[in-house]
Amino acid sequence: MRTLRRYLHKQFFIGAEPDGRLTILNRLLIVVIFLAVGSAALSTEASLPPALHQALVTGEKVFGLIFLLEYSARFYAAADEPGEQSNWRKRWQFAISPLGLIDLVVVLSTLVPLITADASMLRTVRLLRVLAVIKFGRFSRAIREVWAAVRDRADDLIVTAALAFIFVLFGATALYMTEGDIQPEAFGSIPRALWWSVITLTTVGYGDVTPITPLGQVFAGILALSGIAFVAMPTGIIAAAFSDAMQRRRDQRIEEMRQHLERLDEVDDRVEAKLAALERSSGNKL
């Protein structure tokens, strides 16, 4: 049983081979998640033929069983996590962790249709099953590293968001002052003008509300041009964070390879020492 638990821990918690490739069970689980999410999305279509709908219902039961087995295996193998806590304490920590709770919600949302026939409940549960896609986060160390890098740039992103809010408020205030009397439905108050300001700053520009006075158009042009810069700023910050994360990952893999080569050198030295000792022992006997 200990061997099985260690194997499951490697497959699910470590999740990757020494060369960085995903383990077999994780690869299979990715395929199952794709199929489960696709099935959940397709099942919201009301015009499906009855035969296909029944096949999706059957598939949901199969996916629910697979996710239940996966959750049970993770819960069981969590005891092999490093630490001094007891086995059950480690399992409890997994159960209340964000990924553990997501796993539990996915399992319950898949099994609920087996115990209820309430239509509104089933519609809600069908949407919850799409949460299975969040499980992808655990399969890629790169995703975790990029997320950590973005967290490191949180201050930069907050400053960018604050500047964007200032420009949105400035645009709304300017259009309220210049066109509030002319277009009261669109710019009669700052809250009303905020919708136009947000759409303009984000360069979406639906065109449903536009300024008609020259001064209002000047302010609109300034806000639109500013939007280009403010869209590019967070993009650049996130791109830099992604680049930093990938560089750290490459450096880490190089360091792991260097340590592996050093261990091999140590093994070679020990083997050579043993061979030399054996040769000396053989010479003394002769």
C-alpha atoms as a PDB file:
ATOM      1  CA  MET A   1       0.000   0.000   0.000  1.00  0.00           C
ATOM      2  CA  ARG A   2       2.872   2.353   0.754  1.00  0.00           C
ATOM      3  CA  THR A   3       4.292   1.690  -2.719  1.00  0.00           C
ATOM      4  CA  LEU A   4       0.899   2.450  -4.308  1.00  0.00           C
ATOM      5  CA  ARG A   5       0.587   5.662  -2.305  1.00  0.00           C
ATOM      6  CA  ARG A   6       4.073   6.779  -3.327  1.00  0.00           C
ATOM      7  CA  TYR A   7       3.255   6.016  -6.976  1.00  0.00           C
ATOM      8  CA  LEU A   8       0.006   8.012  -6.825  1.00  0.00           C
ATOM      9  CA  HIS A   9       1.785  10.902  -5.132  1.00  0.00           C
ATOM     10  CA  LYS A  10       4.333  11.041  -7.926  1.00  0.00           C
ATOM     11  CA  GLN A  11       1.628  10.833 -10.578  1.00  0.00           C
ATOM     12  CA  PHE A  12      -0.730  13.441  -9.132  1.00  0.00           C
ATOM     13  CA  PHE A  13       1.211  15.774  -6.836  1.00  0.00           C
ATOM     14  CA  ILE A  14       4.660  15.850  -8.395  1.00  0.00           C
ATOM     15  CA  GLY A  15       2.945  15.455 -11.753  1.00  0.00           C
ATOM     16  CA  ALA A  16       6.048  15.395 -13.925  1.00  0.00           C
ATOM     17  CA  GLU A  17       8.968  13.182 -14.778  1.00  0.00           C
ATOM     18  CA  PRO A  18      12.558  14.366 -14.157  1.00  0.00           C
ATOM     19  CA  ASP A  19      12.729  15.575 -17.765  1.00  0.00           C
ATOM     20  CA  GLY A  20       9.689  17.821 -17.213  1.00  0.00           C
ATOM     21  CA  ARG A  21       7.140  15.711 -19.126  1.00  0.00           C
ATOM     22  CA  LEU A  22       3.768  15.087 -17.543  1.00  0.00           C
ATOM     23  CA  THR A  23       3.122  11.741 -15.927  1.00  0.00           C
ATOM     24  CA  ILE A  24       0.880   9.221 -17.684  1.00  0.00           C
ATOM     25  CA  LEU A  25      -2.085   9.692 -15.347  1.00  0.00           C
ATOM     26  CA  ASN A  26      -1.930  13.460 -15.685  1.00  0.00           C
ATOM     27  CA  ARG A  27      -1.895  13.183 -19.471  1.00  0.00           C
ATOM     28  CA  LEU A  28      -4.945  10.956 -19.384  1.00  0.00           C
ATOM     29  CA  LEU A  29      -6.633  13.313 -16.937  1.00  0.00           C
ATOM     30  CA  ILE A  30      -6.082  16.266 -19.284  1.00  0.00           C
ATOM     31  CA  VAL A  31      -7.897  14.349 -22.029  1.00  0.00           C
ATOM     32  CA  VAL A  32     -10.758  13.574 -19.629  1.00  0.00           C
ATOM     33  CA  ILE A  33     -11.019  17.243 -18.606  1.00  0.00           C
ATOM     34  CA  PHE A  34     -11.197  18.329 -22.251  1.00  0.00           C
ATOM     35  CA  LEU A  35     -13.968  15.819 -22.896  1.00  0.00           C
ATOM     36  CA  ALA A  36     -15.840  16.706 -19.691  1.00  0.00           C
ATOM     37  CA  VAL A  37     -15.743  20.450 -20.341  1.00  0.00           C
ATOM     38  CA  GLY A  38     -16.769  19.944 -23.962  1.00  0.00           C
ATOM     39  CA  SER A  39     -19.630  17.725 -22.857  1.00  0.00           C
ATOM     40  CA  ALA A  40     -20.761  20.264 -20.249  1.00  0.00           C
ATOM     41  CA  ALA A  41     -20.732  23.063 -22.825  1.00  0.00           C
ATOM     42  CA  LEU A  42     -22.540  20.972 -25.456  1.00  0.00           C
ATOM     43  CA  SER A  43     -25.214  19.864 -22.993  1.00  0.00           C
ATOM     44  CA  THR A  44     -26.475  23.470 -22.699  1.00  0.00           C
ATOM     45  CA  GLU A  45     -27.768  23.273 -26.293  1.00  0.00           C
ATOM     46  CA  ALA A  46     -31.514  22.622 -26.142  1.00  0.00           C
ATOM     47  CA  SER A  47     -31.868  21.486 -29.762  1.00  0.00           C
ATOM     48  CA  LEU A  48     -29.730  18.359 -29.423  1.00  0.00           C
ATOM     49  CA  PRO A  49     -31.222  15.074 -30.645  1.00  0.00           C
ATOM     50  CA  PRO A  50     -32.500  12.862 -27.798  1.00  0.00           C
ATOM     51  CA  ALA A  51     -29.953  10.136 -28.571  1.00  0.00           C
ATOM     52  CA  LEU A  52     -27.036  12.577 -28.331  1.00  0.00           C
ATOM     53  CA  HIS A  53     -28.457  14.092 -25.169  1.00  0.00           C
ATOM     54  CA  GLN A  54     -28.683  10.649 -23.591  1.00  0.00           C
ATOM     55  CA  ALA A  55     -25.089   9.934 -24.620  1.00  0.00           C
ATOM     56  CA  LEU A  56     -23.976  13.169 -22.937  1.00  0.00           C
ATOM     57  CA  VAL A  57     -25.855  12.193 -19.764  1.00  0.00           C
ATOM     58  CA  THR A  58     -24.112   8.827 -19.753  1.00  0.00           C
ATOM     59  CA  GLY A  59     -20.780  10.510 -20.413  1.00  0.00           C
ATOM     60  CA  GLU A  60     -21.331  12.856 -17.484  1.00  0.00           C
ATOM     61  CA  LYS A  61     -21.758   9.886 -15.185  1.00  0.00           C
ATOM     62  CA  VAL A  62     -18.526   8.361 -16.474  1.00  0.00           C
ATOM     63  CA  PHE A  63     -16.666  11.649 -16.027  1.00  0.00           C
ATOM     64  CA  GLY A  64     -18.106  11.978 -12.536  1.00  0.00           C
ATOM     65  CA  LEU A  65     -16.821   8.527 -11.627  1.00  0.00           C
ATOM     66  CA  ILE A  66     -13.361   9.335 -13.035  1.00  0.00           C
ATOM     67  CA  PHE A  67     -13.174  12.621 -11.128  1.00  0.00           C
ATOM     68  CA  LEU A  68     -14.346  10.887  -7.962  1.00  0.00           C
ATOM     69  CA  LEU A  69     -11.601   8.279  -8.321  1.00  0.00           C
ATOM     70  CA  GLU A  70      -9.056  11.016  -9.000  1.00  0.00           C
ATOM     71  CA  TYR A  71     -10.134  12.981  -5.920  1.00  0.00           C
ATOM     72  CA  SER A  72     -10.005   9.848  -3.778  1.00  0.00           C
ATOM     73  CA  ALA A  73      -6.533   9.001  -5.110  1.00  0.00           C
ATOM     74  CA  ARG A  74      -5.285  12.529  -4.418  1.00  0.00           C
ATOM     75  CA  PHE A  75      -6.767  12.467  -0.934  1.00  0.00           C
ATOM     76  CA  TYR A  76      -5.110   9.127  -0.228  1.00  0.00           C
ATOM     77  CA  ALA A  77      -1.725  10.092  -1.721  1.00  0.00           C
ATOM     78  CA  ALA A  78      -1.625  13.469   0.059  1.00  0.00           C
ATOM     79  CA  ALA A  79      -0.176  11.617   3.046  1.00  0.00           C
ATOM     80  CA  ASP A  80       3.135  11.377   1.157  1.00  0.00           C
ATOM     81  CA  GLU A  81       3.539  15.172   1.037  1.00  0.00           C
ATOM     82  CA  PRO A  82       6.744  16.355   2.792  1.00  0.00           C
ATOM     83  CA  GLY A  83       6.285  17.491   6.373  1.00  0.00           C
ATOM     84  CA  GLU A  84       6.101  16.356   9.970  1.00  0.00           C
ATOM     85  CA  GLN A  85       2.302  16.333  10.197  1.00  0.00           C
ATOM     86  CA  SER A  86       0.333  13.150  10.506  1.00  0.00           C
ATOM     87  CA  ASN A  87      -1.058  11.442   7.406  1.00  0.00           C
ATOM     88  CA  TRP A  88      -4.607  12.559   8.119  1.00  0.00           C
ATOM     89  CA  ARG A  89      -3.469  16.126   8.803  1.00  0.00           C
ATOM     90  CA  LYS A  90      -1.805  16.249   5.377  1.00  0.00           C
ATOM     91  CA  ARG A  91      -4.942  14.871   3.775  1.00  0.00           C
ATOM     92  CA  TRP A  92      -7.074  17.471   5.523  1.00  0.00           C
ATOM     93  CA  GLN A  93      -4.744  20.233   4.295  1.00  0.00           C
ATOM     94  CA  PHE A  94      -5.236  18.961   0.741  1.00  0.00           C
ATOM     95  CA  ALA A  95      -9.010  18.827   1.199  1.00  0.00           C
ATOM     96  CA  ILE A  96      -9.228  22.492   2.273  1.00  0.00           C
ATOM     97  CA  SER A  97      -6.659  23.772  -0.244  1.00  0.00           C
ATOM     98  CA  PRO A  98      -7.982  25.793  -3.241  1.00  0.00           C
ATOM     99  CA  LEU A  99      -7.243  22.971  -5.706  1.00  0.00           C
ATOM    100  CA  GLY A 100      -8.735  20.403  -3.355  1.00  0.00           C
ATOM    101  CA  LEU A 101     -11.934  22.433  -3.023  1.00  0.00           C
ATOM    102  CA  ILE A 102     -12.135  22.867  -6.811  1.00  0.00           C
ATOM    103  CA  ASP A 103     -11.763  19.101  -7.224  1.00  0.00           C
ATOM    104  CA  LEU A 104     -14.537  18.532  -4.689  1.00  0.00           C
ATOM    105  CA  VAL A 105     -16.883  21.023  -6.397  1.00  0.00           C
ATOM    106  CA  VAL A 106     -16.275  19.357  -9.776  1.00  0.00           C
ATOM    107  CA  VAL A 107     -17.009  15.925  -8.304  1.00  0.00           C
ATOM    108  CA  LEU A 108     -20.178  17.080  -6.532  1.00  0.00           C
ATOM    109  CA  SER A 109     -21.432  19.013  -9.570  1.00  0.00           C
ATOM    110  CA  THR A 110     -21.067  15.883 -11.672  1.00  0.00           C
ATOM    111  CA  LEU A 111     -22.832  13.647  -9.167  1.00  0.00           C
ATOM    112  CA  VAL A 112     -25.706  15.994  -8.222  1.00  0.00           C
ATOM    113  CA  PRO A 113     -27.755  15.140 -11.389  1.00  0.00           C
ATOM    114  CA  LEU A 114     -27.911  11.564 -10.097  1.00  0.00           C
ATOM    115  CA  ILE A 115     -29.782  12.637  -6.952  1.00  0.00           C
ATOM    116  CA  THR A 116     -31.977  15.507  -8.147  1.00  0.00           C
ATOM    117  CA  ALA A 117     -34.257  16.233 -11.084  1.00  0.00           C
ATOM    118  CA  ASP A 118     -34.834  19.924 -10.377  1.00  0.00           C
ATOM    119  CA  ALA A 119     -34.328  21.773 -13.667  1.00  0.00           C
ATOM    120  CA  SER A 120     -32.908  24.988 -12.196  1.00  0.00           C
ATOM    121  CA  MET A 121     -30.507  22.991 -10.033  1.00  0.00           C
ATOM    122  CA  LEU A 122     -29.365  20.993 -13.046  1.00  0.00           C
ATOM    123  CA  ARG A 123     -28.725  24.149 -15.074  1.00  0.00           C
ATOM    124  CA  THR A 124     -26.596  25.585 -12.282  1.00  0.00           C
ATOM    125  CA  VAL A 125     -24.688  22.331 -11.852  1.00  0.00           C
ATOM    126  CA  ARG A 126     -24.096  22.087 -15.602  1.00  0.00           C
ATOM    127  CA  LEU A 127     -22.328  25.430 -15.476  1.00  0.00           C
ATOM    128  CA  LEU A 128     -20.309  24.387 -12.424  1.00  0.00           C
ATOM    129  CA  ARG A 129     -18.920  21.424 -14.338  1.00  0.00           C
ATOM    130  CA  VAL A 130     -17.093  23.856 -16.594  1.00  0.00           C
ATOM    131  CA  LEU A 131     -14.937  24.575 -13.524  1.00  0.00           C
ATOM    132  CA  ALA A 132     -13.078  21.410 -14.428  1.00  0.00           C
ATOM    133  CA  VAL A 133     -11.031  23.520 -16.820  1.00  0.00           C
ATOM    134  CA  ILE A 134      -9.476  25.261 -13.790  1.00  0.00           C
ATOM    135  CA  LYS A 135      -7.855  21.949 -12.942  1.00  0.00           C
ATOM    136  CA  PHE A 136      -5.412  22.602 -15.794  1.00  0.00           C
ATOM    137  CA  GLY A 137      -3.536  24.990 -13.512  1.00  0.00           C
ATOM    138  CA  ARG A 138      -1.932  22.142 -11.599  1.00  0.00           C
ATOM    139  CA  PHE A 139      -0.592  20.413 -14.722  1.00  0.00           C
ATOM    140  CA  SER A 140       1.835  23.124 -15.776  1.00  0.00           C
ATOM    141  CA  ARG A 141       4.636  24.382 -13.622  1.00  0.00           C
ATOM    142  CA  ALA A 142       4.996  27.191 -16.175  1.00  0.00           C
ATOM    143  CA  ILE A 143       1.493  28.454 -15.372  1.00  0.00           C
ATOM    144  CA  ARG A 144       2.297  28.534 -11.664  1.00  0.00           C
ATOM    145  CA  GLU A 145       5.571  30.339 -12.316  1.00  0.00           C
ATOM    146  CA  VAL A 146       3.912  32.931 -14.549  1.00  0.00           C
ATOM    147  CA  TRP A 147       1.202  33.510 -11.944  1.00  0.00           C
ATOM    148  CA  ALA A 148       3.893  34.007  -9.303  1.00  0.00           C
ATOM    149  CA  ALA A 149       5.696  36.456 -11.612  1.00  0.00           C
ATOM    150  CA  VAL A 150       2.468  38.417 -12.158  1.00  0.00           C
ATOM    151  CA  ARG A 151       1.981  38.577  -8.384  1.00  0.00           C
ATOM    152  CA  ASP A 152       5.484  40.036  -8.125  1.00  0.00           C
ATOM    153  CA  ARG A 153       4.402  42.773 -10.559  1.00  0.00           C
ATOM    154  CA  ALA A 154       1.176  43.454  -8.655  1.00  0.00           C
ATOM    155  CA  ASP A 155       2.312  46.946  -7.613  1.00  0.00           C
ATOM    156  CA  ASP A 156       2.972  47.911 -11.238  1.00  0.00           C
ATOM    157  CA  LEU A 157      -0.434  46.616 -12.303  1.00  0.00           C
ATOM    158  CA  ILE A 158      -2.155  48.456  -9.444  1.00  0.00           C
ATOM    159  CA  VAL A 159      -0.481  51.729 -10.472  1.00  0.00           C
ATOM    160  CA  THR A 160      -1.582  51.162 -14.080  1.00  0.00           C
ATOM    161  CA  ALA A 161      -5.158  50.439 -12.969  1.00  0.00           C
ATOM    162  CA  ALA A 162      -5.166  53.585 -10.817  1.00  0.00           C
ATOM    163  CA  LEU A 163      -3.976  55.735 -13.744  1.00  0.00           C
ATOM    164  CA  ALA A 164      -6.615  54.180 -15.988  1.00  0.00           C
ATOM    165  CA  PHE A 165      -9.311  54.989 -13.415  1.00  0.00           C
ATOM    166  CA  ILE A 166      -8.100  58.591 -13.261  1.00  0.00           C
ATOM    167  CA  PHE A 167      -8.327  58.912 -17.043  1.00  0.00           C
ATOM    168  CA  VAL A 168     -11.773  57.283 -17.106  1.00  0.00           C
ATOM    169  CA  LEU A 169     -13.006  59.707 -14.471  1.00  0.00           C
ATOM    170  CA  PHE A 170     -11.373  62.637 -16.273  1.00  0.00           C
ATOM    171  CA  GLY A 171     -13.039  61.684 -19.554  1.00  0.00           C
ATOM    172  CA  ALA A 172     -16.445  61.266 -17.943  1.00  0.00           C
ATOM    173  CA  THR A 173     -16.137  64.595 -16.134  1.00  0.00           C
ATOM    174  CA  ALA A 174     -14.975  66.422 -19.276  1.00  0.00           C
ATOM    175  CA  LEU A 175     -17.877  65.090 -21.361  1.00  0.00           C
ATOM    176  CA  TYR A 176     -20.349  65.859 -18.576  1.00  0.00           C
ATOM    177  CA  MET A 177     -19.163  69.456 -18.537  1.00  0.00           C
ATOM    178  CA  THR A 178     -19.110  69.912 -22.332  1.00  0.00           C
ATOM    179  CA  GLU A 179     -22.119  67.844 -23.450  1.00  0.00           C
ATOM    180  CA  GLY A 180     -24.230  67.246 -20.363  1.00  0.00           C
ATOM    181  CA  ASP A 181     -26.835  69.791 -21.460  1.00  0.00           C
ATOM    182  CA  ILE A 182     -26.774  68.718 -25.115  1.00  0.00           C
ATOM    183  CA  GLN A 183     -26.991  64.949 -24.591  1.00  0.00           C
ATOM    184  CA  PRO A 184     -28.458  64.498 -21.094  1.00  0.00           C
ATOM    185  CA  GLU A 185     -29.294  60.834 -21.684  1.00  0.00           C
ATOM    186  CA  ALA A 186     -25.654  59.965 -22.381  1.00  0.00           C
ATOM    187  CA  PHE A 187     -23.696  62.652 -20.520  1.00  0.00           C
ATOM    188  CA  GLY A 188     -26.249  64.150 -18.105  1.00  0.00           C
ATOM    189  CA  SER A 189     -24.188  63.047 -15.112  1.00  0.00           C
ATOM    190  CA  ILE A 190     -20.701  61.720 -14.440  1.00  0.00           C
ATOM    191  CA  PRO A 191     -21.988  58.186 -13.712  1.00  0.00           C
ATOM    192  CA  ARG A 192     -23.844  58.201 -17.054  1.00  0.00           C
ATOM    193  CA  ALA A 193     -20.715  59.375 -18.891  1.00  0.00           C
ATOM    194  CA  LEU A 194     -18.582  56.685 -17.243  1.00  0.00           C
ATOM    195  CA  TRP A 195     -19.933  54.031 -19.625  1.00  0.00           C
ATOM    196  CA  TRP A 196     -18.800  56.001 -22.660  1.00  0.00           C
ATOM    197  CA  SER A 197     -15.470  56.793 -20.989  1.00  0.00           C
ATOM    198  CA  VAL A 198     -14.708  53.142 -20.202  1.00  0.00           C
ATOM    199  CA  ILE A 199     -15.623  51.994 -23.710  1.00  0.00           C
ATOM    200  CA  THR A 200     -13.496  54.737 -25.264  1.00  0.00           C
ATOM    201  CA  LEU A 201     -10.453  54.186 -23.045  1.00  0.00           C
ATOM    202  CA  THR A 202     -10.468  50.451 -23.755  1.00  0.00           C
ATOM    203  CA  THR A 203     -10.589  51.254 -27.511  1.00  0.00           C
ATOM    204  CA  VAL A 204     -13.779  49.214 -27.981  1.00  0.00           C
ATOM    205  CA  GLY A 205     -15.815  52.165 -29.217  1.00  0.00           C
ATOM    206  CA  TYR A 206     -19.322  50.798 -29.777  1.00  0.00           C
ATOM    207  CA  GLY A 207     -20.391  54.068 -31.360  1.00  0.00           C
ATOM    208  CA  ASP A 208     -23.728  54.075 -29.539  1.00  0.00           C
ATOM    209  CA  VAL A 209     -22.734  57.284 -27.727  1.00  0.00           C
ATOM    210  CA  THR A 210     -20.493  59.921 -29.331  1.00  0.00           C
ATOM    211  CA  PRO A 211     -19.712  63.585 -28.555  1.00  0.00           C
ATOM    212  CA  ILE A 212     -21.014  66.117 -31.068  1.00  0.00           C
ATOM    213  CA  THR A 213     -19.364  69.367 -29.938  1.00  0.00           C
ATOM    214  CA  PRO A 214     -15.811  70.245 -31.073  1.00  0.00           C
ATOM    215  CA  LEU A 215     -14.517  70.449 -27.488  1.00  0.00           C
ATOM    216  CA  GLY A 216     -16.169  67.147 -26.593  1.00  0.00           C
ATOM    217  CA  GLN A 217     -14.579  65.531 -29.626  1.00  0.00           C
ATOM    218  CA  VAL A 218     -11.170  66.859 -28.571  1.00  0.00           C
ATOM    219  CA  PHE A 219     -11.562  65.294 -25.131  1.00  0.00           C
ATOM    220  CA  ALA A 220     -12.771  62.071 -26.765  1.00  0.00           C
ATOM    221  CA  GLY A 221      -9.707  61.994 -29.031  1.00  0.00           C
ATOM    222  CA  ILE A 222      -7.355  62.501 -26.084  1.00  0.00           C
ATOM    223  CA  LEU A 223      -9.061  59.712 -24.146  1.00  0.00           C
ATOM    224  CA  ALA A 224      -8.987  57.352 -27.144  1.00  0.00           C
ATOM    225  CA  LEU A 225      -5.277  57.941 -27.748  1.00  0.00           C
ATOM    226  CA  SER A 226      -4.586  57.461 -24.039  1.00  0.00           C
ATOM    227  CA  GLY A 227      -6.434  54.169 -24.209  1.00  0.00           C
ATOM    228  CA  ILE A 228      -3.857  52.776 -26.645  1.00  0.00           C
ATOM    229  CA  ALA A 229      -1.094  53.456 -24.137  1.00  0.00           C
ATOM    230  CA  PHE A 230      -3.033  52.070 -21.188  1.00  0.00           C
ATOM    231  CA  VAL A 231      -3.877  48.879 -23.026  1.00  0.00           C
ATOM    232  CA  ALA A 232      -0.207  48.438 -23.900  1.00  0.00           C
ATOM    233  CA  MET A 233       1.090  49.116 -20.376  1.00  0.00           C
ATOM    234  CA  PRO A 234      -0.392  46.081 -18.569  1.00  0.00           C
ATOM    235  CA  THR A 235       0.339  43.960 -21.628  1.00  0.00           C
ATOM    236  CA  GLY A 236       4.009  44.919 -21.410  1.00  0.00           C
ATOM    237  CA  ILE A 237       4.098  44.304 -17.658  1.00  0.00           C
ATOM    238  CA  ILE A 238       2.576  40.835 -18.018  1.00  0.00           C
ATOM    239  CA  ALA A 239       4.829  40.023 -20.977  1.00  0.00           C
ATOM    240  CA  ALA A 240       7.885  41.011 -18.920  1.00  0.00           C
ATOM    241  CA  ALA A 241       6.627  38.882 -16.025  1.00  0.00           C
ATOM    242  CA  PHE A 242       6.167  35.937 -18.392  1.00  0.00           C
ATOM    243  CA  SER A 243       9.689  36.409 -19.775  1.00  0.00           C
ATOM    244  CA  ASP A 244      11.135  36.564 -16.257  1.00  0.00           C
ATOM    245  CA  ALA A 245       9.265  33.407 -15.258  1.00  0.00           C
ATOM    246  CA  MET A 246      10.514  31.509 -18.294  1.00  0.00           C
ATOM    247  CA  GLN A 247      14.077  32.672 -17.653  1.00  0.00           C
ATOM    248  CA  ARG A 248      13.864  31.520 -14.040  1.00  0.00           C
ATOM    249  CA  ARG A 249      12.531  28.192 -15.218  1.00  0.00           C
ATOM    250  CA  ARG A 250      15.426  27.788 -17.678  1.00  0.00           C
ATOM    251  CA  ASP A 251      17.935  28.752 -14.979  1.00  0.00           C
ATOM    252  CA  GLN A 252      16.360  26.252 -12.597  1.00  0.00           C
ATOM    253  CA  ARG A 253      16.555  23.435 -15.146  1.00  0.00           C
ATOM    254  CA  ILE A 254      20.190  24.287 -15.899  1.00  0.00           C
ATOM    255  CA  GLU A 255      20.962  24.211 -12.180  1.00  0.00           C
ATOM    256  CA  GLU A 256      19.164  20.876 -11.797  1.00  0.00           C
ATOM    257  CA  MET A 257      21.205  19.434 -14.670  1.00  0.00           C
ATOM    258  CA  ARG A 258      24.418  20.803 -13.151  1.00  0.00           C
ATOM    259  CA  GLN A 259      23.572  19.213  -9.786  1.00  0.00           C
ATOM    260  CA  HIS A 260      22.755  15.947 -11.534  1.00  0.00           C
ATOM    261  CA  LEU A 261      26.130  15.960 -13.298  1.00  0.00           C
ATOM    262  CA  GLU A 262      27.866  16.684 -10.004  1.00  0.00           C
ATOM    263  CA  ARG A 263      26.110  13.711  -8.413  1.00  0.00           C
ATOM    264  CA  LEU A 264      27.217  11.540 -11.332  1.00  0.00           C
ATOM    265  CA  ASP A 265      30.797  12.738 -10.836  1.00  0.00           C
ATOM    266  CA  GLU A 266      30.581  11.808  -7.173  1.00  0.00           C
ATOM    267  CA  VAL A 267      29.281   8.351  -8.090  1.00  0.00           C
ATOM    268  CA  ASP A 268      32.107   7.919 -10.613  1.00  0.00           C
ATOM    269  CA  ASP A 269      34.664   8.913  -7.979  1.00  0.00           C
ATOM    270  CA  ARG A 270      33.241   6.390  -5.504  1.00  0.00           C
ATOM    271  CA  VAL A 271      33.216   3.646  -8.139  1.00  0.00           C
ATOM    272  CA  GLU A 272      36.820   4.391  -9.086  1.00  0.00           C
ATOM    273  CA  ALA A 273      37.848   4.338  -5.420  1.00  0.00           C
ATOM    274  CA  LYS A 274      36.166   0.957  -4.920  1.00  0.00           C
ATOM    275  CA  LEU A 275      37.825  -0.450  -8.035  1.00  0.00           C
ATOM    276  CA  ALA A 276      41.211   0.793  -6.866  1.00  0.00           C
ATOM    277  CA  ALA A 277      40.618  -0.782  -3.455  1.00  0.00           C
ATOM    278  CA  LEU A 278      39.657  -4.073  -5.065  1.00  0.00           C
ATOM    279  CA  GLU A 279      42.774  -3.974  -7.258  1.00  0.00           C
ATOM    280  CA  ARG A 280      44.989  -3.346  -4.252  1.00  0.00           C
ATOM    281  CA  SER A 281      43.249  -6.142  -2.358  1.00  0.00           C
ATOM    282  CA  SER A 282      43.770  -8.515  -5.280  1.00  0.00           C
ATOM    283  CA  GLY A 283      47.471  -7.502  -5.521  1.00  0.00           C
ATOM    284  CA  ASN A 284      48.056  -8.137  -1.825  1.00  0.00           C
ATOM    285  CA  LYS A 285      46.562 -11.628  -2.099  1.00  0.00           C
ATOM    286  CA  LEU A 286      48.845 -12.437  -4.987  1.00  0.00           C
END
